[in-house]
All heavy atoms as atom14 arrays in JSON, in Angstrom:
{
  "sequence": "QMNSLKPEDTAVYYCAATRTSYSTIRYYTEKEKYEYWGQGTQVTV",
  "atom14_mask": [
    [1, 1, 1, 1, 1, 1, 1, 1, 1, 0, 0, 0, 0, 0],
    [1, 1, 1, 1, 1, 1, 1, 1, 0, 0, 0, 0, 0, 0],
    [1, 1, 1, 1, 1, 1, 1, 1, 0, 0, 0, 0, 0, 0],
    [1, 1, 1, 1, 1, 1, 0, 0, 0, 0, 0, 0, 0, 0],
    [1, 1, 1, 1, 1, 1, 1, 1, 0, 0, 0, 0, 0, 0],
    [1, 1, 1, 1, 1, 1, 1, 1, 1, 0, 0, 0, 0, 0],
    [1, 1, 1, 1, 1, 1, 1, 0, 0, 0, 0, 0, 0, 0],
    [1, 1, 1, 1, 1, 1, 1, 1, 1, 0, 0, 0, 0, 0],
    [1, 1, 1, 1, 1, 1, 1, 1, 0, 0, 0, 0, 0, 0],
    [1, 1, 1, 1, 1, 1, 1, 0, 0, 0, 0, 0, 0, 0],
    [1, 1, 1, 1, 1, 0, 0, 0, 0, 0, 0, 0, 0, 0],
    [1, 1, 1, 1, 1, 1, 1, 0, 0, 0, 0, 0, 0, 0],
    [1, 1, 1, 1, 1, 1, 1, 1, 1, 1, 1, 1, 0, 0],
    [1, 1, 1, 1, 1, 1, 1, 1, 1, 1, 1, 1, 0, 0],
    [1, 1, 1, 1, 1, 1, 0, 0, 0, 0, 0, 0, 0, 0],
    [1, 1, 1, 1, 1, 0, 0, 0, 0, 0, 0, 0, 0, 0],
    [1, 1, 1, 1, 1, 0, 0, 0, 0, 0, 0, 0, 0, 0],
    [1, 1, 1, 1, 1, 1, 1, 0, 0, 0, 0, 0, 0, 0],
    [1, 1, 1, 1, 1, 1, 1, 1, 1, 1, 1, 0, 0, 0],
    [1, 1, 1, 1, 1, 1, 1, 0, 0, 0, 0, 0, 0, 0],
    [1, 1, 1, 1, 1, 1, 0, 0, 0, 0, 0, 0, 0, 0],
    [1, 1, 1, 1, 1, 1, 1, 1, 1, 1, 1, 1, 0, 0],
    [1, 1, 1, 1, 1, 1, 0, 0, 0, 0, 0, 0, 0, 0],
    [1, 1, 1, 1, 1, 1, 1, 0, 0, 0, 0, 0, 0, 0],
    [1, 1, 1, 1, 1, 1, 1, 1, 0, 0, 0, 0, 0, 0],
    [1, 1, 1, 1, 1, 1, 1, 1, 1, 1, 1, 0, 0, 0],
    [1, 1, 1, 1, 1, 1, 1, 1, 1, 1, 1, 1, 0, 0],
    [1, 1, 1, 1, 1, 1, 1, 1, 1, 1, 1, 1, 0, 0],
    [1, 1, 1, 1, 1, 1, 1, 0, 0, 0, 0, 0, 0, 0],
    [1, 1, 1, 1, 1, 1, 1, 1, 1, 0, 0, 0, 0, 0],
    [1, 1, 1, 1, 1, 1, 1, 1, 1, 0, 0, 0, 0, 0],
    [1, 1, 1, 1, 1, 1, 1, 1, 1, 0, 0, 0, 0, 0],
    [1, 1, 1, 1, 1, 1, 1, 1, 1, 0, 0, 0, 0, 0],
    [1, 1, 1, 1, 1, 1, 1, 1, 1, 1, 1, 1, 0, 0],
    [1, 1, 1, 1, 1, 1, 1, 1, 1, 0, 0, 0, 0, 0],
    [1, 1, 1, 1, 1, 1, 1, 1, 1, 1, 1, 1, 0, 0],
    [1, 1, 1, 1, 1, 1, 1, 1, 1, 1, 1, 1, 1, 1],
    [1, 1, 1, 1, 0, 0, 0, 0, 0, 0, 0, 0, 0, 0],
    [1, 1, 1, 1, 1, 1, 1, 1, 1, 0, 0, 0, 0, 0],
    [1, 1, 1, 1, 0, 0, 0, 0, 0, 0, 0, 0, 0, 0],
    [1, 1, 1, 1, 1, 1, 1, 0, 0, 0, 0, 0, 0, 0],
    [1, 1, 1, 1, 1, 1, 1, 1, 1, 0, 0, 0, 0, 0],
    [1, 1, 1, 1, 1, 1, 1, 0, 0, 0, 0, 0, 0, 0],
    [1, 1, 1, 1, 1, 1, 1, 0, 0, 0, 0, 0, 0, 0],
    [1, 1, 1, 1, 1, 1, 1, 0, 0, 0, 0, 0, 0, 0]
  ],
  "atom14_positions": [
    [[-13.83, 241.71, 196.23], [-13.49, 240.3, 196.28], [-13.1, 239.94, 197.7], [-12.17, 240.54, 198.26], [-12.33, 239.99, 195.32], [-11.88, 238.55, 195.35], [-12.91, 237.58, 194.81], [-13.56, 237.86, 193.8], [-13.11, 236.46, 195.5], [0.0, 0.0, 0.0], [0.0, 0.0, 0.0], [0.0, 0.0, 0.0], [0.0, 0.0, 0.0], [0.0, 0.0, 0.0]],
    [[-13.81, 239.0, 198.28], [-13.59, 238.64, 199.68], [-13.13, 237.18, 199.75], [-13.87, 236.27, 199.36], [-14.88, 238.83, 200.48], [-15.45, 240.23, 200.37], [-16.89, 240.49, 201.44], [-18.05, 239.35, 200.72], [0.0, 0.0, 0.0], [0.0, 0.0, 0.0], [0.0, 0.0, 0.0], [0.0, 0.0, 0.0], [0.0, 0.0, 0.0], [0.0, 0.0, 0.0]],
    [[-11.92, 236.98, 200.21], [-11.35, 235.63, 200.34], [-11.09, 235.33, 201.81], [-11.07, 236.22, 202.65], [-10.04, 235.53, 199.56], [-10.23, 235.77, 198.07], [-11.27, 235.44, 197.5], [-9.22, 236.34, 197.43], [0.0, 0.0, 0.0], [0.0, 0.0, 0.0], [0.0, 0.0, 0.0], [0.0, 0.0, 0.0], [0.0, 0.0, 0.0], [0.0, 0.0, 0.0]],
    [[-10.88, 234.06, 202.08], [-10.58, 233.61, 203.46], [-11.57, 234.2, 204.46], [-11.19, 234.74, 205.5], [-9.14, 234.01, 203.85], [-8.21, 233.45, 202.94], [0.0, 0.0, 0.0], [0.0, 0.0, 0.0], [0.0, 0.0, 0.0], [0.0, 0.0, 0.0], [0.0, 0.0, 0.0], [0.0, 0.0, 0.0], [0.0, 0.0, 0.0], [0.0, 0.0, 0.0]],
    [[-12.83, 234.09, 204.13], [-13.87, 234.7, 204.96], [-13.95, 234.06, 206.34], [-13.71, 232.85, 206.5], [-15.22, 234.61, 204.25], [-15.41, 235.65, 203.14], [-16.51, 235.23, 202.18], [-15.7, 237.01, 203.73], [0.0, 0.0, 0.0], [0.0, 0.0, 0.0], [0.0, 0.0, 0.0], [0.0, 0.0, 0.0], [0.0, 0.0, 0.0], [0.0, 0.0, 0.0]],
    [[-14.26, 234.89, 207.31], [-14.37, 234.48, 208.71], [-15.79, 234.77, 209.21], [-16.46, 235.67, 208.68], [-13.37, 235.26, 209.56], [-11.94, 235.17, 209.1], [-11.05, 236.09, 209.93], [-9.6, 236.03, 209.46], [-8.73, 236.93, 210.27], [0.0, 0.0, 0.0], [0.0, 0.0, 0.0], [0.0, 0.0, 0.0], [0.0, 0.0, 0.0], [0.0, 0.0, 0.0]],
    [[-16.24, 234.05, 210.23], [-17.57, 234.34, 210.78], [-17.74, 235.81, 211.18], [-18.84, 236.36, 211.05], [-17.65, 233.41, 211.98], [-16.78, 232.25, 211.61], [-15.64, 232.85, 210.85], [0.0, 0.0, 0.0], [0.0, 0.0, 0.0], [0.0, 0.0, 0.0], [0.0, 0.0, 0.0], [0.0, 0.0, 0.0], [0.0, 0.0, 0.0], [0.0, 0.0, 0.0]],
    [[-16.68, 236.44, 211.62], [-16.77, 237.85, 212.02], [-16.93, 238.8, 210.85], [-17.14, 240.0, 211.05], [-15.56, 238.27, 212.87], [-14.21, 237.92, 212.28], [-13.66, 236.61, 212.82], [-14.42, 235.62, 212.94], [-12.44, 236.58, 213.1], [0.0, 0.0, 0.0], [0.0, 0.0, 0.0], [0.0, 0.0, 0.0], [0.0, 0.0, 0.0], [0.0, 0.0, 0.0]],
    [[-16.85, 238.29, 209.63], [-17.13, 239.11, 208.44], [-18.63, 239.18, 208.16], [-19.05, 239.92, 207.27], [-16.43, 238.54, 207.22], [-14.9, 238.63, 207.32], [-14.4, 239.66, 207.79], [-14.23, 237.64, 206.93], [0.0, 0.0, 0.0], [0.0, 0.0, 0.0], [0.0, 0.0, 0.0], [0.0, 0.0, 0.0], [0.0, 0.0, 0.0], [0.0, 0.0, 0.0]],
    [[-19.42, 238.43, 208.9], [-20.87, 238.44, 208.7], [-21.43, 239.83, 208.97], [-21.21, 240.41, 210.03], [-21.54, 237.41, 209.64], [-21.11, 236.1, 209.27], [-23.05, 237.5, 209.55], [0.0, 0.0, 0.0], [0.0, 0.0, 0.0], [0.0, 0.0, 0.0], [0.0, 0.0, 0.0], [0.0, 0.0, 0.0], [0.0, 0.0, 0.0], [0.0, 0.0, 0.0]],
    [[-22.15, 240.36, 208.0], [-22.69, 241.72, 208.1], [-23.49, 242.02, 206.84], [-23.44, 241.26, 205.86], [-21.58, 242.75, 208.25], [0.0, 0.0, 0.0], [0.0, 0.0, 0.0], [0.0, 0.0, 0.0], [0.0, 0.0, 0.0], [0.0, 0.0, 0.0], [0.0, 0.0, 0.0], [0.0, 0.0, 0.0], [0.0, 0.0, 0.0], [0.0, 0.0, 0.0]],
    [[-24.19, 243.14, 206.87], [-24.74, 243.72, 205.64], [-23.66, 244.62, 205.07], [-23.12, 245.47, 205.78], [-26.03, 244.51, 205.91], [-26.53, 245.15, 204.63], [-27.09, 243.6, 206.52], [0.0, 0.0, 0.0], [0.0, 0.0, 0.0], [0.0, 0.0, 0.0], [0.0, 0.0, 0.0], [0.0, 0.0, 0.0], [0.0, 0.0, 0.0], [0.0, 0.0, 0.0]],
    [[-23.36, 244.41, 203.8], [-22.32, 245.19, 203.13], [-22.96, 246.25, 202.24], [-23.87, 245.95, 201.46], [-21.43, 244.26, 202.31], [-20.44, 243.51, 203.16], [-20.87, 242.48, 204.01], [-19.08, 243.82, 203.15], [-19.97, 241.79, 204.81], [-18.18, 243.12, 203.95], [-18.63, 242.12, 204.78], [-17.73, 241.44, 205.57], [0.0, 0.0, 0.0], [0.0, 0.0, 0.0]],
    [[-22.45, 247.47, 202.38], [-22.96, 248.6, 201.62], [-21.87, 249.22, 200.77], [-20.73, 249.36, 201.23], [-23.46, 249.69, 202.57], [-24.58, 249.28, 203.49], [-24.33, 248.71, 204.74], [-25.91, 249.5, 203.12], [-25.36, 248.35, 205.58], [-26.95, 249.13, 203.97], [-26.66, 248.56, 205.19], [-27.7, 248.2, 206.03], [0.0, 0.0, 0.0], [0.0, 0.0, 0.0]],
    [[-22.23, 249.61, 199.56], [-21.29, 250.44, 198.81], [-21.73, 251.88, 198.93], [-22.91, 252.18, 199.16], [-21.16, 250.0, 197.35], [-22.56, 250.36, 196.31], [0.0, 0.0, 0.0], [0.0, 0.0, 0.0], [0.0, 0.0, 0.0], [0.0, 0.0, 0.0], [0.0, 0.0, 0.0], [0.0, 0.0, 0.0], [0.0, 0.0, 0.0], [0.0, 0.0, 0.0]],
    [[-20.77, 252.77, 198.78], [-21.02, 254.2, 198.96], [-20.19, 254.98, 197.96], [-19.14, 254.51, 197.5], [-20.67, 254.62, 200.38], [0.0, 0.0, 0.0], [0.0, 0.0, 0.0], [0.0, 0.0, 0.0], [0.0, 0.0, 0.0], [0.0, 0.0, 0.0], [0.0, 0.0, 0.0], [0.0, 0.0, 0.0], [0.0, 0.0, 0.0], [0.0, 0.0, 0.0]],
    [[-20.66, 256.19, 197.65], [-19.99, 257.03, 196.67], [-19.87, 258.45, 197.18], [-20.77, 258.95, 197.86], [-20.75, 257.02, 195.35], [0.0, 0.0, 0.0], [0.0, 0.0, 0.0], [0.0, 0.0, 0.0], [0.0, 0.0, 0.0], [0.0, 0.0, 0.0], [0.0, 0.0, 0.0], [0.0, 0.0, 0.0], [0.0, 0.0, 0.0], [0.0, 0.0, 0.0]],
    [[-18.76, 259.08, 196.84], [-18.59, 260.49, 197.15], [-17.95, 261.2, 195.98], [-17.02, 260.66, 195.35], [-17.76, 260.71, 198.42], [-17.6, 262.12, 198.62], [-16.37, 260.08, 198.32], [0.0, 0.0, 0.0], [0.0, 0.0, 0.0], [0.0, 0.0, 0.0], [0.0, 0.0, 0.0], [0.0, 0.0, 0.0], [0.0, 0.0, 0.0], [0.0, 0.0, 0.0]],
    [[-18.41, 262.4, 195.72], [-17.8, 263.23, 194.67], [-16.77, 264.17, 195.26], [-16.0, 264.79, 194.52], [-18.88, 264.05, 193.98], [-19.1, 263.65, 192.56], [-20.15, 264.47, 191.9], [-20.19, 264.14, 190.49], [-21.14, 264.52, 189.68], [-22.14, 265.24, 190.14], [-21.12, 264.19, 188.4], [0.0, 0.0, 0.0], [0.0, 0.0, 0.0], [0.0, 0.0, 0.0]],
    [[-16.73, 264.25, 196.57], [-15.82, 265.17, 197.23], [-14.4, 264.6, 197.23], [-14.21, 263.41, 197.51], [-16.28, 265.44, 198.66], [-17.62, 265.9, 198.66], [-15.38, 266.47, 199.34], [0.0, 0.0, 0.0], [0.0, 0.0, 0.0], [0.0, 0.0, 0.0], [0.0, 0.0, 0.0], [0.0, 0.0, 0.0], [0.0, 0.0, 0.0], [0.0, 0.0, 0.0]],
    [[-13.45, 265.44, 196.96], [-12.04, 265.04, 197.03], [-11.47, 265.47, 198.37], [-11.5, 266.65, 198.71], [-11.24, 265.69, 195.9], [-11.65, 265.2, 194.65], [0.0, 0.0, 0.0], [0.0, 0.0, 0.0], [0.0, 0.0, 0.0], [0.0, 0.0, 0.0], [0.0, 0.0, 0.0], [0.0, 0.0, 0.0], [0.0, 0.0, 0.0], [0.0, 0.0, 0.0]],
    [[-10.98, 264.5, 199.13], [-10.4, 264.78, 200.44], [-8.89, 264.64, 200.37], [-8.37, 263.63, 199.91], [-10.96, 263.82, 201.49], [-12.46, 263.93, 201.67], [-13.31, 262.95, 201.18], [-13.02, 265.02, 202.32], [-14.68, 263.05, 201.35], [-14.39, 265.14, 202.48], [-15.21, 264.15, 201.99], [-16.57, 264.25, 202.15], [0.0, 0.0, 0.0], [0.0, 0.0, 0.0]],
    [[-8.2, 265.65, 200.86], [-6.74, 265.59, 200.87], [-6.24, 264.66, 201.96], [-5.15, 264.09, 201.87], [-6.15, 266.99, 201.07], [-6.65, 267.56, 202.27], [0.0, 0.0, 0.0], [0.0, 0.0, 0.0], [0.0, 0.0, 0.0], [0.0, 0.0, 0.0], [0.0, 0.0, 0.0], [0.0, 0.0, 0.0], [0.0, 0.0, 0.0], [0.0, 0.0, 0.0]],
    [[-7.07, 264.49, 202.99], [-6.72, 263.58, 204.07], [-7.36, 262.23, 203.8], [-8.58, 262.09, 203.84], [-7.2, 264.12, 205.43], [-6.62, 265.4, 205.65], [-6.81, 263.17, 206.55], [0.0, 0.0, 0.0], [0.0, 0.0, 0.0], [0.0, 0.0, 0.0], [0.0, 0.0, 0.0], [0.0, 0.0, 0.0], [0.0, 0.0, 0.0], [0.0, 0.0, 0.0]],
    [[-6.55, 261.22, 203.48], [-7.05, 259.92, 203.07], [-7.93, 259.3, 204.17], [-8.9, 258.6, 203.87], [-5.89, 258.98, 202.7], [-5.11, 259.54, 201.52], [-6.39, 257.58, 202.39], [-5.97, 259.74, 200.27], [0.0, 0.0, 0.0], [0.0, 0.0, 0.0], [0.0, 0.0, 0.0], [0.0, 0.0, 0.0], [0.0, 0.0, 0.0], [0.0, 0.0, 0.0]],
    [[-7.61, 259.57, 205.41], [-8.36, 258.99, 206.53], [-9.84, 259.35, 206.45], [-10.7, 258.6, 206.93], [-7.76, 259.47, 207.84], [-8.51, 259.02, 209.07], [-7.82, 259.54, 210.33], [-7.67, 260.98, 210.33], [-8.63, 261.83, 210.66], [-9.83, 261.37, 211.0], [-8.41, 263.13, 210.66], [0.0, 0.0, 0.0], [0.0, 0.0, 0.0], [0.0, 0.0, 0.0]],
    [[-10.18, 260.48, 205.84], [-11.58, 260.89, 205.75], [-12.4, 259.86, 204.99], [-13.61, 259.73, 205.23], [-11.69, 262.25, 205.08], [-11.24, 263.41, 205.93], [-11.14, 264.69, 205.38], [-10.92, 263.24, 207.26], [-10.72, 265.76, 206.14], [-10.5, 264.3, 208.03], [-10.4, 265.56, 207.47], [-9.97, 266.61, 208.23], [0.0, 0.0, 0.0], [0.0, 0.0, 0.0]],
    [[-11.79, 259.14, 204.07], [-12.54, 258.16, 203.28], [-12.95, 256.95, 204.1], [-13.74, 256.13, 203.63], [-11.72, 257.7, 202.08], [-11.59, 258.75, 201.0], [-10.41, 259.46, 200.83], [-12.66, 259.04, 200.15], [-10.29, 260.42, 199.84], [-12.55, 259.99, 199.16], [-11.36, 260.69, 199.01], [-11.24, 261.64, 198.03], [0.0, 0.0, 0.0], [0.0, 0.0, 0.0]],
    [[-12.45, 256.83, 205.31], [-12.88, 255.75, 206.19], [-14.11, 256.13, 207.0], [-14.65, 255.29, 207.73], [-11.75, 255.33, 207.15], [-11.53, 256.37, 208.1], [-10.46, 255.06, 206.41], [0.0, 0.0, 0.0], [0.0, 0.0, 0.0], [0.0, 0.0, 0.0], [0.0, 0.0, 0.0], [0.0, 0.0, 0.0], [0.0, 0.0, 0.0], [0.0, 0.0, 0.0]],
    [[-14.56, 257.36, 206.88], [-15.68, 257.86, 207.69], [-16.95, 257.85, 206.86], [-17.04, 258.48, 205.8], [-15.35, 259.27, 208.18], [-14.09, 259.32, 209.03], [-13.68, 260.73, 209.39], [-14.43, 261.66, 209.09], [-12.59, 260.88, 209.99], [0.0, 0.0, 0.0], [0.0, 0.0, 0.0], [0.0, 0.0, 0.0], [0.0, 0.0, 0.0], [0.0, 0.0, 0.0]],
    [[-17.96, 257.17, 207.37], [-19.19, 257.01, 206.6], [-19.89, 258.35, 206.34], [-20.56, 258.51, 205.33], [-20.15, 256.06, 207.33], [-20.55, 256.44, 208.73], [-21.4, 255.37, 209.35], [-21.86, 255.75, 210.76], [-20.72, 255.83, 211.7], [0.0, 0.0, 0.0], [0.0, 0.0, 0.0], [0.0, 0.0, 0.0], [0.0, 0.0, 0.0], [0.0, 0.0, 0.0]],
    [[-19.66, 259.32, 207.2], [-20.3, 260.63, 207.02], [-19.78, 261.37, 205.79], [-20.39, 262.33, 205.33], [-20.08, 261.51, 208.26], [-20.76, 261.01, 209.51], [-19.98, 259.92, 210.21], [-18.83, 259.62, 209.78], [-20.5, 259.34, 211.19], [0.0, 0.0, 0.0], [0.0, 0.0, 0.0], [0.0, 0.0, 0.0], [0.0, 0.0, 0.0], [0.0, 0.0, 0.0]],
    [[-18.65, 260.93, 205.26], [-18.04, 261.61, 204.12], [-18.6, 261.12, 202.78], [-18.18, 261.62, 201.74], [-16.53, 261.4, 204.14], [-15.83, 262.03, 205.37], [-16.01, 263.53, 205.4], [-15.13, 264.22, 206.42], [-15.56, 263.96, 207.81], [0.0, 0.0, 0.0], [0.0, 0.0, 0.0], [0.0, 0.0, 0.0], [0.0, 0.0, 0.0], [0.0, 0.0, 0.0]],
    [[-19.5, 260.16, 202.79], [-20.08, 259.64, 201.56], [-21.51, 260.13, 201.42], [-22.3, 260.07, 202.35], [-20.04, 258.11, 201.56], [-18.64, 257.56, 201.47], [-17.82, 257.48, 202.6], [-18.11, 257.13, 200.25], [-16.53, 256.99, 202.51], [-16.82, 256.63, 200.16], [-16.04, 256.57, 201.3], [-14.76, 256.08, 201.21], [0.0, 0.0, 0.0], [0.0, 0.0, 0.0]],
    [[-21.85, 260.6, 200.22], [-23.18, 261.18, 199.99], [-24.22, 260.16, 199.55], [-25.41, 260.34, 199.78], [-23.11, 262.26, 198.91], [-22.22, 263.47, 199.23], [-20.82, 263.29, 198.69], [-20.64, 263.43, 197.46], [-19.92, 263.0, 199.5], [0.0, 0.0, 0.0], [0.0, 0.0, 0.0], [0.0, 0.0, 0.0], [0.0, 0.0, 0.0], [0.0, 0.0, 0.0]],
    [[-23.77, 259.09, 198.9], [-24.72, 258.17, 198.28], [-24.43, 256.75, 198.76], [-23.27, 256.34, 198.88], [-24.61, 258.24, 196.76], [-24.78, 259.64, 196.23], [-23.67, 260.37, 195.8], [-26.04, 260.24, 196.19], [-23.82, 261.67, 195.35], [-26.19, 261.53, 195.74], [-25.08, 262.24, 195.32], [-25.23, 263.52, 194.87], [0.0, 0.0, 0.0], [0.0, 0.0, 0.0]],
    [[-25.54, 256.01, 198.97], [-25.44, 254.66, 199.51], [-26.35, 253.71, 198.77], [-27.43, 254.09, 198.3], [-25.83, 254.66, 200.99], [-24.86, 255.38, 201.85], [-24.8, 256.72, 202.1], [-23.77, 254.8, 202.57], [-23.74, 257.01, 202.92], [-23.1, 255.85, 203.23], [-23.3, 253.5, 202.73], [-21.98, 255.63, 204.04], [-22.2, 253.28, 203.53], [-21.54, 254.33, 204.17]],
    [[-25.9, 252.45, 198.68], [-26.77, 251.4, 198.19], [-27.64, 250.85, 199.31], [-27.55, 251.3, 200.45], [0.0, 0.0, 0.0], [0.0, 0.0, 0.0], [0.0, 0.0, 0.0], [0.0, 0.0, 0.0], [0.0, 0.0, 0.0], [0.0, 0.0, 0.0], [0.0, 0.0, 0.0], [0.0, 0.0, 0.0], [0.0, 0.0, 0.0], [0.0, 0.0, 0.0]],
    [[-28.46, 249.86, 198.96], [-29.4, 249.31, 199.93], [-28.79, 248.21, 200.79], [-29.37, 247.81, 201.79], [-30.64, 248.77, 199.2], [-30.51, 247.36, 198.63], [-29.58, 247.26, 197.44], [-29.17, 248.28, 196.87], [-29.23, 246.04, 197.04], [0.0, 0.0, 0.0], [0.0, 0.0, 0.0], [0.0, 0.0, 0.0], [0.0, 0.0, 0.0], [0.0, 0.0, 0.0]],
    [[-27.63, 247.72, 200.4], [-26.93, 246.7, 201.17], [-27.19, 245.29, 200.67], [-28.24, 245.01, 200.07], [0.0, 0.0, 0.0], [0.0, 0.0, 0.0], [0.0, 0.0, 0.0], [0.0, 0.0, 0.0], [0.0, 0.0, 0.0], [0.0, 0.0, 0.0], [0.0, 0.0, 0.0], [0.0, 0.0, 0.0], [0.0, 0.0, 0.0], [0.0, 0.0, 0.0]],
    [[-26.23, 244.41, 200.93], [-26.37, 243.0, 200.6], [-25.82, 242.18, 201.77], [-24.77, 242.5, 202.31], [-25.66, 242.65, 199.27], [-25.92, 241.29, 198.92], [-24.15, 242.86, 199.34], [0.0, 0.0, 0.0], [0.0, 0.0, 0.0], [0.0, 0.0, 0.0], [0.0, 0.0, 0.0], [0.0, 0.0, 0.0], [0.0, 0.0, 0.0], [0.0, 0.0, 0.0]],
    [[-26.57, 241.14, 202.15], [-26.2, 240.36, 203.33], [-25.11, 239.35, 202.99], [-25.21, 238.61, 202.01], [-27.43, 239.62, 203.86], [-27.16, 238.69, 205.03], [-26.84, 239.46, 206.31], [-27.55, 240.4, 206.67], [-25.79, 239.03, 207.02], [0.0, 0.0, 0.0], [0.0, 0.0, 0.0], [0.0, 0.0, 0.0], [0.0, 0.0, 0.0], [0.0, 0.0, 0.0]],
    [[-24.1, 239.31, 203.84], [-23.05, 238.3, 203.77], [-23.06, 237.54, 205.09], [-22.94, 238.16, 206.16], [-21.67, 238.92, 203.51], [-20.57, 237.86, 203.67], [-21.62, 239.55, 202.13], [0.0, 0.0, 0.0], [0.0, 0.0, 0.0], [0.0, 0.0, 0.0], [0.0, 0.0, 0.0], [0.0, 0.0, 0.0], [0.0, 0.0, 0.0], [0.0, 0.0, 0.0]],
    [[-23.22, 236.23, 205.02], [-23.22, 235.41, 206.21], [-22.15, 234.33, 206.07], [-22.15, 233.58, 205.09], [-24.59, 234.75, 206.44], [-25.59, 235.76, 206.52], [-24.59, 233.94, 207.73], [0.0, 0.0, 0.0], [0.0, 0.0, 0.0], [0.0, 0.0, 0.0], [0.0, 0.0, 0.0], [0.0, 0.0, 0.0], [0.0, 0.0, 0.0], [0.0, 0.0, 0.0]],
    [[-21.25, 234.27, 207.04], [-20.16, 233.3, 207.03], [-20.38, 232.33, 208.18], [-20.38, 232.73, 209.34], [-18.79, 233.98, 207.15], [-17.68, 232.93, 207.02], [-18.64, 235.06, 206.09], [0.0, 0.0, 0.0], [0.0, 0.0, 0.0], [0.0, 0.0, 0.0], [0.0, 0.0, 0.0], [0.0, 0.0, 0.0], [0.0, 0.0, 0.0], [0.0, 0.0, 0.0]]
  ]
}
């Protein structure tokens, strides 16, 4: 859910999935840690 959208939010948005459990939460911010990806959806503000 995206509220108060700004022009700088304009991008292709992708969802991703990982089955790996990381003890370091910061790892979940790294795209390399996700195995599966969607095709993306365009958001233009």
